[in-house]
Full PDB file with SEQRES, HELIX, SHEET, SSBOND, CRYST1, ORIGX, SCALE, CONECT and MASTER records, all heavy atoms in Angstrom:
SEQRES   1 A   38  GLY ILE HIS GLU LYS ILE LYS GLU GLN ALA CYS ARG MET          
SEQRES   2 A   38  THR GLU ARG ASP THR ASN LEU ILE PHE ARG THR LEU ARG          
SEQRES   3 A   38  ASN THR ALA ARG VAL ALA LYS ASN GLU VAL SER ASP              
HELIX    1 AA1 GLU A    4  ARG A   12  1                                   9    
SHEET    1 AA1 2 THR A  18  ILE A  21  0                                        
SHEET    2 AA1 2 ALA A  29  ALA A  32 -1                                        
CRYST1    1.000    1.000    1.000  90.00  90.00  90.00 P 1           1          
ORIGX1      1.000000  0.000000  0.000000        0.00000                         
ORIGX2      0.000000  1.000000  0.000000        0.00000                         
ORIGX3      0.000000  0.000000  1.000000        0.00000                         
SCALE1      1.000000  0.000000  0.000000        0.00000                         
SCALE2      0.000000  1.000000  0.000000        0.00000                         
SCALE3      0.000000  0.000000  1.000000        0.00000                         
ATOM      1  N   GLY A   1       0.782  -1.236   0.000  1.00  0.00           N  
ATOM      2  CA  GLY A   1       0.000   0.000   0.000  1.00  0.00           C  
ATOM      3  C   GLY A   1       0.807   1.275   0.000  1.00  0.00           C  
ATOM      4  O   GLY A   1       0.232   2.364   0.079  1.00  0.00           O  
ATOM      5  N   ILE A   2       2.126   1.200  -0.086  1.00  0.00           N  
ATOM      6  CA  ILE A   2       2.907   2.432  -0.074  1.00  0.00           C  
ATOM      7  C   ILE A   2       2.828   3.120  -1.434  1.00  0.00           C  
ATOM      8  O   ILE A   2       2.468   2.517  -2.442  1.00  0.00           O  
ATOM      9  CB  ILE A   2       4.380   2.162   0.311  1.00  0.00           C  
ATOM     10  CG1 ILE A   2       5.115   1.403  -0.799  1.00  0.00           C  
ATOM     11  CG2 ILE A   2       4.457   1.399   1.621  1.00  0.00           C  
ATOM     12  CD1 ILE A   2       6.609   1.258  -0.534  1.00  0.00           C  
ATOM     13  N   HIS A   3       3.179   4.380  -1.472  1.00  0.00           N  
ATOM     14  CA  HIS A   3       3.059   5.190  -2.691  1.00  0.00           C  
ATOM     15  C   HIS A   3       3.957   4.643  -3.806  1.00  0.00           C  
ATOM     16  O   HIS A   3       5.075   4.184  -3.560  1.00  0.00           O  
ATOM     17  CB  HIS A   3       3.444   6.637  -2.374  1.00  0.00           C  
ATOM     18  CG  HIS A   3       2.920   7.628  -3.355  1.00  0.00           C  
ATOM     19  ND1 HIS A   3       3.454   7.793  -4.618  1.00  0.00           N  
ATOM     20  CD2 HIS A   3       1.901   8.521  -3.258  1.00  0.00           C  
ATOM     21  CE1 HIS A   3       2.808   8.740  -5.258  1.00  0.00           C  
ATOM     22  NE2 HIS A   3       1.845   9.200  -4.450  1.00  0.00           N  
ATOM     23  N   GLU A   4       3.442   4.718  -5.037  1.00  0.00           N  
ATOM     24  CA  GLU A   4       4.193   4.188  -6.176  1.00  0.00           C  
ATOM     25  C   GLU A   4       5.534   4.891  -6.366  1.00  0.00           C  
ATOM     26  O   GLU A   4       6.508   4.289  -6.834  1.00  0.00           O  
ATOM     27  CB  GLU A   4       3.353   4.304  -7.461  1.00  0.00           C  
ATOM     28  CG  GLU A   4       2.111   3.432  -7.467  1.00  0.00           C  
ATOM     29  CD  GLU A   4       2.420   1.958  -7.254  1.00  0.00           C  
ATOM     30  OE1 GLU A   4       3.350   1.444  -7.917  1.00  0.00           O  
ATOM     31  OE2 GLU A   4       1.754   1.327  -6.411  1.00  0.00           O  
ATOM     32  N   LYS A   5       5.621   6.153  -5.994  1.00  0.00           N  
ATOM     33  CA  LYS A   5       6.890   6.874  -6.146  1.00  0.00           C  
ATOM     34  C   LYS A   5       7.979   6.274  -5.258  1.00  0.00           C  
ATOM     35  O   LYS A   5       9.155   6.275  -5.625  1.00  0.00           O  
ATOM     36  CB  LYS A   5       6.703   8.360  -5.812  1.00  0.00           C  
ATOM     37  CG  LYS A   5       5.942   9.150  -6.866  1.00  0.00           C  
ATOM     38  CD  LYS A   5       5.896  10.624  -6.490  1.00  0.00           C  
ATOM     39  CE  LYS A   5       5.171  11.445  -7.548  1.00  0.00           C  
ATOM     40  NZ  LYS A   5       5.110  12.890  -7.169  1.00  0.00           N  
ATOM     41  N   ILE A   6       7.589   5.774  -4.090  1.00  0.00           N  
ATOM     42  CA  ILE A   6       8.564   5.152  -3.194  1.00  0.00           C  
ATOM     43  C   ILE A   6       9.017   3.812  -3.774  1.00  0.00           C  
ATOM     44  O   ILE A   6      10.201   3.449  -3.692  1.00  0.00           O  
ATOM     45  CB  ILE A   6       7.991   4.981  -1.779  1.00  0.00           C  
ATOM     46  CG1 ILE A   6       7.544   6.334  -1.224  1.00  0.00           C  
ATOM     47  CG2 ILE A   6       9.005   4.320  -0.863  1.00  0.00           C  
ATOM     48  CD1 ILE A   6       8.640   7.389  -1.193  1.00  0.00           C  
ATOM     49  N   LYS A   7       8.097   3.081  -4.362  1.00  0.00           N  
ATOM     50  CA  LYS A   7       8.480   1.821  -5.008  1.00  0.00           C  
ATOM     51  C   LYS A   7       9.456   2.086  -6.152  1.00  0.00           C  
ATOM     52  O   LYS A   7      10.460   1.369  -6.316  1.00  0.00           O  
ATOM     53  CB  LYS A   7       7.238   1.098  -5.525  1.00  0.00           C  
ATOM     54  CG  LYS A   7       6.244   0.696  -4.445  1.00  0.00           C  
ATOM     55  CD  LYS A   7       5.013   0.039  -5.042  1.00  0.00           C  
ATOM     56  CE  LYS A   7       3.936  -0.201  -4.002  1.00  0.00           C  
ATOM     57  NZ  LYS A   7       2.713  -0.825  -4.560  1.00  0.00           N  
ATOM     58  N   GLU A   8       9.168   3.112  -6.939  1.00  0.00           N  
ATOM     59  CA  GLU A   8      10.056   3.462  -8.054  1.00  0.00           C  
ATOM     60  C   GLU A   8      11.429   3.901  -7.532  1.00  0.00           C  
ATOM     61  O   GLU A   8      12.466   3.538  -8.101  1.00  0.00           O  
ATOM     62  CB  GLU A   8       9.419   4.565  -8.895  1.00  0.00           C  
ATOM     63  CG  GLU A   8       8.145   4.124  -9.608  1.00  0.00           C  
ATOM     64  CD  GLU A   8       7.354   5.299 -10.176  1.00  0.00           C  
ATOM     65  OE1 GLU A   8       7.845   6.456 -10.056  1.00  0.00           O  
ATOM     66  OE2 GLU A   8       6.252   5.064 -10.700  1.00  0.00           O  
ATOM     67  N   GLN A   9      11.420   4.686  -6.459  1.00  0.00           N  
ATOM     68  CA  GLN A   9      12.671   5.131  -5.852  1.00  0.00           C  
ATOM     69  C   GLN A   9      13.485   3.932  -5.375  1.00  0.00           C  
ATOM     70  O   GLN A   9      14.705   3.864  -5.591  1.00  0.00           O  
ATOM     71  CB  GLN A   9      12.372   6.065  -4.673  1.00  0.00           C  
ATOM     72  CG  GLN A   9      13.580   6.439  -3.823  1.00  0.00           C  
ATOM     73  CD  GLN A   9      14.372   7.597  -4.400  1.00  0.00           C  
ATOM     74  OE1 GLN A   9      14.041   8.090  -5.465  1.00  0.00           O  
ATOM     75  NE2 GLN A   9      15.412   8.002  -3.692  1.00  0.00           N  
ATOM     76  N   ALA A  10      12.826   2.988  -4.736  1.00  0.00           N  
ATOM     77  CA  ALA A  10      13.517   1.813  -4.215  1.00  0.00           C  
ATOM     78  C   ALA A  10      14.181   1.016  -5.334  1.00  0.00           C  
ATOM     79  O   ALA A  10      15.295   0.495  -5.162  1.00  0.00           O  
ATOM     80  CB  ALA A  10      12.544   0.933  -3.441  1.00  0.00           C  
ATOM     81  N   CYS A  11      13.524   0.931  -6.470  1.00  0.00           N  
ATOM     82  CA  CYS A  11      14.086   0.184  -7.601  1.00  0.00           C  
ATOM     83  C   CYS A  11      15.341   0.849  -8.171  1.00  0.00           C  
ATOM     84  O   CYS A  11      16.153   0.194  -8.825  1.00  0.00           O  
ATOM     85  CB  CYS A  11      13.050   0.018  -8.707  1.00  0.00           C  
ATOM     86  SG  CYS A  11      11.716  -1.136  -8.307  1.00  0.00           S  
ATOM     87  N   ARG A  12      15.484   2.139  -7.919  1.00  0.00           N  
ATOM     88  CA  ARG A  12      16.678   2.858  -8.405  1.00  0.00           C  
ATOM     89  C   ARG A  12      17.822   2.830  -7.394  1.00  0.00           C  
ATOM     90  O   ARG A  12      18.953   3.183  -7.720  1.00  0.00           O  
ATOM     91  CB  ARG A  12      16.324   4.318  -8.719  1.00  0.00           C  
ATOM     92  CG  ARG A  12      15.372   4.505  -9.891  1.00  0.00           C  
ATOM     93  CD  ARG A  12      15.288   5.966 -10.300  1.00  0.00           C  
ATOM     94  NE  ARG A  12      14.675   6.794  -9.274  1.00  0.00           N  
ATOM     95  CZ  ARG A  12      13.376   7.063  -9.200  1.00  0.00           C  
ATOM     96  NH1 ARG A  12      12.542   6.552 -10.097  1.00  0.00           N  
ATOM     97  NH2 ARG A  12      12.889   7.838  -8.242  1.00  0.00           N  
ATOM     98  N   MET A  13      17.528   2.437  -6.177  1.00  0.00           N  
ATOM     99  CA  MET A  13      18.526   2.473  -5.114  1.00  0.00           C  
ATOM    100  C   MET A  13      19.416   1.239  -5.159  1.00  0.00           C  
ATOM    101  O   MET A  13      19.098   0.246  -5.817  1.00  0.00           O  
ATOM    102  CB  MET A  13      17.833   2.622  -3.753  1.00  0.00           C  
ATOM    103  CG  MET A  13      17.052   3.931  -3.632  1.00  0.00           C  
ATOM    104  SD  MET A  13      16.005   4.038  -2.158  1.00  0.00           S  
ATOM    105  CE  MET A  13      17.215   4.462  -0.909  1.00  0.00           C  
ATOM    106  N   THR A  14      20.540   1.303  -4.459  1.00  0.00           N  
ATOM    107  CA  THR A  14      21.488   0.202  -4.439  1.00  0.00           C  
ATOM    108  C   THR A  14      21.734  -0.249  -3.008  1.00  0.00           C  
ATOM    109  O   THR A  14      21.207   0.341  -2.047  1.00  0.00           O  
ATOM    110  CB  THR A  14      22.838   0.616  -5.065  1.00  0.00           C  
ATOM    111  OG1 THR A  14      23.553   1.455  -4.126  1.00  0.00           O  
ATOM    112  CG2 THR A  14      22.636   1.380  -6.371  1.00  0.00           C  
ATOM    113  N   GLU A  15      22.564  -1.260  -2.863  1.00  0.00           N  
ATOM    114  CA  GLU A  15      22.900  -1.778  -1.542  1.00  0.00           C  
ATOM    115  C   GLU A  15      23.630  -0.756  -0.676  1.00  0.00           C  
ATOM    116  O   GLU A  15      23.741  -0.939   0.544  1.00  0.00           O  
ATOM    117  CB  GLU A  15      23.746  -3.051  -1.670  1.00  0.00           C  
ATOM    118  CG  GLU A  15      25.130  -2.870  -2.266  1.00  0.00           C  
ATOM    119  CD  GLU A  15      25.140  -2.815  -3.794  1.00  0.00           C  
ATOM    120  OE1 GLU A  15      24.054  -2.847  -4.416  1.00  0.00           O  
ATOM    121  OE2 GLU A  15      26.251  -2.736  -4.362  1.00  0.00           O  
ATOM    122  N   ARG A  16      24.102   0.332  -1.280  1.00  0.00           N  
ATOM    123  CA  ARG A  16      24.815   1.367  -0.530  1.00  0.00           C  
ATOM    124  C   ARG A  16      23.881   2.481  -0.031  1.00  0.00           C  
ATOM    125  O   ARG A  16      24.323   3.390   0.668  1.00  0.00           O  
ATOM    126  CB  ARG A  16      25.916   1.973  -1.402  1.00  0.00           C  
ATOM    127  CG  ARG A  16      26.953   0.953  -1.853  1.00  0.00           C  
ATOM    128  CD  ARG A  16      28.022   1.571  -2.741  1.00  0.00           C  
ATOM    129  NE  ARG A  16      28.834   2.515  -1.973  1.00  0.00           N  
ATOM    130  CZ  ARG A  16      29.147   3.743  -2.371  1.00  0.00           C  
ATOM    131  NH1 ARG A  16      28.695   4.194  -3.541  1.00  0.00           N  
ATOM    132  NH2 ARG A  16      29.905   4.522  -1.634  1.00  0.00           N  
ATOM    133  N   ASP A  17      22.606   2.380  -0.394  1.00  0.00           N  
ATOM    134  CA  ASP A  17      21.680   3.482  -0.117  1.00  0.00           C  
ATOM    135  C   ASP A  17      20.864   3.281   1.152  1.00  0.00           C  
ATOM    136  O   ASP A  17      19.638   3.481   1.179  1.00  0.00           O  
ATOM    137  CB  ASP A  17      20.757   3.697  -1.319  1.00  0.00           C  
ATOM    138  CG  ASP A  17      21.493   4.272  -2.513  1.00  0.00           C  
ATOM    139  OD1 ASP A  17      22.370   5.126  -2.311  1.00  0.00           O  
ATOM    140  OD2 ASP A  17      21.203   3.863  -3.647  1.00  0.00           O  
ATOM    141  N   THR A  18      21.547   2.869   2.228  1.00  0.00           N  
ATOM    142  CA  THR A  18      20.895   2.839   3.538  1.00  0.00           C  
ATOM    143  C   THR A  18      21.801   3.545   4.542  1.00  0.00           C  
ATOM    144  O   THR A  18      23.004   3.708   4.320  1.00  0.00           O  
ATOM    145  CB  THR A  18      20.624   1.397   4.032  1.00  0.00           C  
ATOM    146  OG1 THR A  18      21.858   0.742   4.336  1.00  0.00           O  
ATOM    147  CG2 THR A  18      19.838   0.599   2.997  1.00  0.00           C  
ATOM    148  N   ASN A  19      21.218   3.955   5.638  1.00  0.00           N  
ATOM    149  CA  ASN A  19      21.962   4.542   6.763  1.00  0.00           C  
ATOM    150  C   ASN A  19      21.660   3.770   8.033  1.00  0.00           C  
ATOM    151  O   ASN A  19      20.540   3.262   8.218  1.00  0.00           O  
ATOM    152  CB  ASN A  19      21.562   6.009   6.984  1.00  0.00           C  
ATOM    153  CG  ASN A  19      22.352   6.975   6.118  1.00  0.00           C  
ATOM    154  OD1 ASN A  19      23.520   6.745   5.816  1.00  0.00           O  
ATOM    155  ND2 ASN A  19      21.722   8.078   5.719  1.00  0.00           N  
ATOM    156  N   LEU A  20      22.649   3.708   8.910  1.00  0.00           N  
ATOM    157  CA  LEU A  20      22.446   3.184  10.256  1.00  0.00           C  
ATOM    158  C   LEU A  20      22.296   4.365  11.198  1.00  0.00           C  
ATOM    159  O   LEU A  20      23.214   5.179  11.328  1.00  0.00           O  
ATOM    160  CB  LEU A  20      23.621   2.308  10.675  1.00  0.00           C  
ATOM    161  CG  LEU A  20      23.766   0.995   9.915  1.00  0.00           C  
ATOM    162  CD1 LEU A  20      25.090   0.331  10.249  1.00  0.00           C  
ATOM    163  CD2 LEU A  20      22.603   0.049  10.230  1.00  0.00           C  
ATOM    164  N   ILE A  21      21.138   4.464  11.827  1.00  0.00           N  
ATOM    165  CA  ILE A  21      20.876   5.552  12.763  1.00  0.00           C  
ATOM    166  C   ILE A  21      20.703   4.993  14.174  1.00  0.00           C  
ATOM    167  O   ILE A  21      20.580   3.779  14.367  1.00  0.00           O  
ATOM    168  CB  ILE A  21      19.637   6.373  12.349  1.00  0.00           C  
ATOM    169  CG1 ILE A  21      18.371   5.515  12.369  1.00  0.00           C  
ATOM    170  CG2 ILE A  21      19.844   6.974  10.954  1.00  0.00           C  
ATOM    171  CD1 ILE A  21      17.092   6.291  12.125  1.00  0.00           C  
ATOM    172  N   PHE A  22      20.710   5.872  15.154  1.00  0.00           N  
ATOM    173  CA  PHE A  22      20.565   5.509  16.567  1.00  0.00           C  
ATOM    174  C   PHE A  22      21.722   4.650  17.079  1.00  0.00           C  
ATOM    175  O   PHE A  22      21.588   3.972  18.098  1.00  0.00           O  
ATOM    176  CB  PHE A  22      19.243   4.771  16.831  1.00  0.00           C  
ATOM    177  CG  PHE A  22      18.004   5.508  16.424  1.00  0.00           C  
ATOM    178  CD1 PHE A  22      16.840   4.809  16.136  1.00  0.00           C  
ATOM    179  CD2 PHE A  22      17.982   6.888  16.313  1.00  0.00           C  
ATOM    180  CE1 PHE A  22      15.681   5.477  15.766  1.00  0.00           C  
ATOM    181  CE2 PHE A  22      16.834   7.561  15.941  1.00  0.00           C  
ATOM    182  CZ  PHE A  22      15.681   6.856  15.655  1.00  0.00           C  
ATOM    183  N   ARG A  23      22.863   4.701  16.391  1.00  0.00           N  
ATOM    184  CA  ARG A  23      24.010   3.918  16.856  1.00  0.00           C  
ATOM    185  C   ARG A  23      24.446   4.398  18.246  1.00  0.00           C  
ATOM    186  O   ARG A  23      24.790   3.597  19.114  1.00  0.00           O  
ATOM    187  CB  ARG A  23      25.178   4.059  15.876  1.00  0.00           C  
ATOM    188  CG  ARG A  23      24.944   3.454  14.501  1.00  0.00           C  
ATOM    189  CD  ARG A  23      24.853   1.954  14.539  1.00  0.00           C  
ATOM    190  NE  ARG A  23      26.143   1.329  14.252  1.00  0.00           N  
ATOM    191  CZ  ARG A  23      26.346   0.019  14.258  1.00  0.00           C  
ATOM    192  NH1 ARG A  23      25.361  -0.795  14.561  1.00  0.00           N  
ATOM    193  NH2 ARG A  23      27.525  -0.481  13.981  1.00  0.00           N  
ATOM    194  N   THR A  24      24.445   5.704  18.430  1.00  0.00           N  
ATOM    195  CA  THR A  24      24.904   6.255  19.710  1.00  0.00           C  
ATOM    196  C   THR A  24      23.935   5.944  20.844  1.00  0.00           C  
ATOM    197  O   THR A  24      24.309   5.990  22.021  1.00  0.00           O  
ATOM    198  CB  THR A  24      25.077   7.779  19.607  1.00  0.00           C  
ATOM    199  OG1 THR A  24      23.824   8.369  19.225  1.00  0.00           O  
ATOM    200  CG2 THR A  24      26.131   8.137  18.577  1.00  0.00           C  
ATOM    201  N   LEU A  25      22.698   5.633  20.515  1.00  0.00           N  
ATOM    202  CA  LEU A  25      21.684   5.327  21.520  1.00  0.00           C  
ATOM    203  C   LEU A  25      21.594   3.837  21.806  1.00  0.00           C  
ATOM    204  O   LEU A  25      20.749   3.405  22.596  1.00  0.00           O  
ATOM    205  CB  LEU A  25      20.314   5.834  21.047  1.00  0.00           C  
ATOM    206  CG  LEU A  25      20.220   7.317  20.694  1.00  0.00           C  
ATOM    207  CD1 LEU A  25      18.812   7.657  20.207  1.00  0.00           C  
ATOM    208  CD2 LEU A  25      20.613   8.185  21.879  1.00  0.00           C  
ATOM    209  N   ARG A  26      22.444   3.049  21.135  1.00  0.00           N  
ATOM    210  CA  ARG A  26      22.417   1.598  21.278  1.00  0.00           C  
ATOM    211  C   ARG A  26      21.049   1.026  20.914  1.00  0.00           C  
ATOM    212  O   ARG A  26      20.547   0.080  21.533  1.00  0.00           O  
ATOM    213  CB  ARG A  26      22.802   1.169  22.708  1.00  0.00           C  
ATOM    214  CG  ARG A  26      24.182   1.622  23.157  1.00  0.00           C  
ATOM    215  CD  ARG A  26      25.280   0.841  22.472  1.00  0.00           C  
ATOM    216  NE  ARG A  26      25.268  -0.564  22.839  1.00  0.00           N  
ATOM    217  CZ  ARG A  26      26.016  -1.495  22.237  1.00  0.00           C  
ATOM    218  NH1 ARG A  26      26.813  -1.157  21.240  1.00  0.00           N  
ATOM    219  NH2 ARG A  26      25.962  -2.765  22.623  1.00  0.00           N  
ATOM    220  N   ASN A  27      20.443   1.614  19.895  1.00  0.00           N  
ATOM    221  CA  ASN A  27      19.159   1.139  19.393  1.00  0.00           C  
ATOM    222  C   ASN A  27      19.180   1.216  17.863  1.00  0.00           C  
ATOM    223  O   ASN A  27      18.282   1.752  17.234  1.00  0.00           O  
ATOM    224  CB  ASN A  27      18.020   1.989  19.966  1.00  0.00           C  
ATOM    225  CG  ASN A  27      16.654   1.417  19.642  1.00  0.00           C  
ATOM    226  OD1 ASN A  27      16.491   0.204  19.487  1.00  0.00           O  
ATOM    227  ND2 ASN A  27      15.660   2.288  19.509  1.00  0.00           N  
ATOM    228  N   THR A  28      20.231   0.672  17.278  1.00  0.00           N  
ATOM    229  CA  THR A  28      20.531   0.822  15.856  1.00  0.00           C  
ATOM    230  C   THR A  28      19.347   0.464  14.970  1.00  0.00           C  
ATOM    231  O   THR A  28      18.656  -0.537  15.197  1.00  0.00           O  
ATOM    232  CB  THR A  28      21.735  -0.068  15.481  1.00  0.00           C  
ATOM    233  OG1 THR A  28      22.860   0.335  16.262  1.00  0.00           O  
ATOM    234  CG2 THR A  28      22.069   0.060  14.005  1.00  0.00           C  
ATOM    235  N   ALA A  29      19.134   1.283  13.949  1.00  0.00           N  
ATOM    236  CA  ALA A  29      18.102   1.019  12.950  1.00  0.00           C  
ATOM    237  C   ALA A  29      18.677   1.281  11.564  1.00  0.00           C  
ATOM    238  O   ALA A  29      19.397   2.257  11.358  1.00  0.00           O  
ATOM    239  CB  ALA A  29      16.882   1.903  13.190  1.00  0.00           C  
ATOM    240  N   ARG A  30      18.351   0.389  10.628  1.00  0.00           N  
ATOM    241  CA  ARG A  30      18.755   0.596   9.238  1.00  0.00           C  
ATOM    242  C   ARG A  30      17.571   1.170   8.469  1.00  0.00           C  
ATOM    243  O   ARG A  30      16.489   0.587   8.451  1.00  0.00           O  
ATOM    244  CB  ARG A  30      19.223  -0.708   8.586  1.00  0.00           C  
ATOM    245  CG  ARG A  30      19.820  -0.474   7.183  1.00  0.00           C  
ATOM    246  CD  ARG A  30      20.268  -1.765   6.524  1.00  0.00           C  
ATOM    247  NE  ARG A  30      21.325  -2.435   7.242  1.00  0.00           N  
ATOM    248  CZ  ARG A  30      22.605  -2.096   7.184  1.00  0.00           C  
ATOM    249  NH1 ARG A  30      22.983  -1.061   6.442  1.00  0.00           N  
ATOM    250  NH2 ARG A  30      23.501  -2.785   7.866  1.00  0.00           N  
ATOM    251  N   VAL A  31      17.799   2.315   7.842  1.00  0.00           N  
ATOM    252  CA  VAL A  31      16.747   3.013   7.098  1.00  0.00           C  
ATOM    253  C   VAL A  31      17.285   3.451   5.746  1.00  0.00           C  
ATOM    254  O   VAL A  31      18.500   3.410   5.497  1.00  0.00           O  
ATOM    255  CB  VAL A  31      16.241   4.245   7.891  1.00  0.00           C  
ATOM    256  CG1 VAL A  31      15.649   3.830   9.228  1.00  0.00           C  
ATOM    257  CG2 VAL A  31      17.366   5.267   8.099  1.00  0.00           C  
ATOM    258  N   ALA A  32      16.385   3.872   4.886  1.00  0.00           N  
ATOM    259  CA  ALA A  32      16.790   4.371   3.573  1.00  0.00           C  
ATOM    260  C   ALA A  32      17.642   5.634   3.733  1.00  0.00           C  
ATOM    261  O   ALA A  32      17.390   6.469   4.606  1.00  0.00           O  
ATOM    262  CB  ALA A  32      15.564   4.675   2.727  1.00  0.00           C  
ATOM    263  N   LYS A  33      18.644   5.738   2.894  1.00  0.00           N  
ATOM    264  CA  LYS A  33      19.486   6.938   2.887  1.00  0.00           C  
ATOM    265  C   LYS A  33      18.721   8.067   2.204  1.00  0.00           C  
ATOM    266  O   LYS A  33      18.298   7.951   1.057  1.00  0.00           O  
ATOM    267  CB  LYS A  33      20.790   6.646   2.139  1.00  0.00           C  
ATOM    268  CG  LYS A  33      21.770   7.816   2.096  1.00  0.00           C  
ATOM    269  CD  LYS A  33      23.058   7.408   1.390  1.00  0.00           C  
ATOM    270  CE  LYS A  33      24.014   8.580   1.236  1.00  0.00           C  
ATOM    271  NZ  LYS A  33      24.415   9.168   2.543  1.00  0.00           N  
ATOM    272  N   ASN A  34      18.523   9.170   2.922  1.00  0.00           N  
ATOM    273  CA  ASN A  34      17.876  10.350   2.351  1.00  0.00           C  
ATOM    274  C   ASN A  34      18.333  11.574   3.144  1.00  0.00           C  
ATOM    275  O   ASN A  34      19.214  11.479   4.013  1.00  0.00           O  
ATOM    276  CB  ASN A  34      16.344  10.207   2.333  1.00  0.00           C  
ATOM    277  CG  ASN A  34      15.734  10.092   3.731  1.00  0.00           C  
ATOM    278  OD1 ASN A  34      16.411  10.237   4.742  1.00  0.00           O  
ATOM    279  ND2 ASN A  34      14.439   9.848   3.777  1.00  0.00           N  
ATOM    280  N   GLU A  35      17.748  12.717   2.857  1.00  0.00           N  
ATOM    281  CA  GLU A  35      18.180  13.949   3.529  1.00  0.00           C  
ATOM    282  C   GLU A  35      17.991  13.871   5.043  1.00  0.00           C  
ATOM    283  O   GLU A  35      18.833  14.352   5.814  1.00  0.00           O  
ATOM    284  CB  GLU A  35      17.396  15.138   2.967  1.00  0.00           C  
ATOM    285  CG  GLU A  35      17.698  15.453   1.509  1.00  0.00           C  
ATOM    286  CD  GLU A  35      16.822  16.562   0.956  1.00  0.00           C  
ATOM    287  OE1 GLU A  35      15.999  17.099   1.741  1.00  0.00           O  
ATOM    288  OE2 GLU A  35      16.940  16.884  -0.237  1.00  0.00           O  
ATOM    289  N   VAL A  36      16.904  13.252   5.459  1.00  0.00           N  
ATOM    290  CA  VAL A  36      16.597  13.207   6.893  1.00  0.00           C  
ATOM    291  C   VAL A  36      17.545  12.260   7.625  1.00  0.00           C  
ATOM    292  O   VAL A  36      18.118  12.610   8.663  1.00  0.00           O  
ATOM    293  CB  VAL A  36      15.130  12.798   7.118  1.00  0.00           C  
ATOM    294  CG1 VAL A  36      14.825  12.721   8.615  1.00  0.00           C  
ATOM    295  CG2 VAL A  36      14.188  13.776   6.442  1.00  0.00           C  
ATOM    296  N   SER A  37      17.722  11.042   7.097  1.00  0.00           N  
ATOM    297  CA  SER A  37      18.610  10.099   7.790  1.00  0.00           C  
ATOM    298  C   SER A  37      20.058  10.560   7.725  1.00  0.00           C  
ATOM    299  O   SER A  37      20.835  10.309   8.657  1.00  0.00           O  
ATOM    300  CB  SER A  37      18.454   8.684   7.217  1.00  0.00           C  
ATOM    301  OG  SER A  37      18.823   8.615   5.858  1.00  0.00           O  
ATOM    302  N   ASP A  38      20.441  11.259   6.642  1.00  0.00           N  
ATOM    303  CA  ASP A  38      21.783  11.837   6.592  1.00  0.00           C  
ATOM    304  C   ASP A  38      21.981  12.846   7.717  1.00  0.00           C  
ATOM    305  O   ASP A  38      23.053  12.919   8.334  1.00  0.00           O  
ATOM    306  CB  ASP A  38      22.018  12.537   5.246  1.00  0.00           C  
ATOM    307  CG  ASP A  38      22.350  11.578   4.119  1.00  0.00           C  
ATOM    308  OD1 ASP A  38      22.639  10.398   4.397  1.00  0.00           O  
ATOM    309  OD2 ASP A  38      22.327  12.016   2.948  1.00  0.00           O  
TER     310      ASP A  38                                                      
MASTER        0    0    0    1    2    0    0    6  309    1    0    3          
END                                                                             
């Protein structure tokens, strides 16, 4: 049910296009690399 633009974006992304956030909080999460996660 997610927006088609996100599906299209995902198809253009690569294995390098994720970020690990919350590392300093010891609650690591892997999310898509974008302006916010950067």
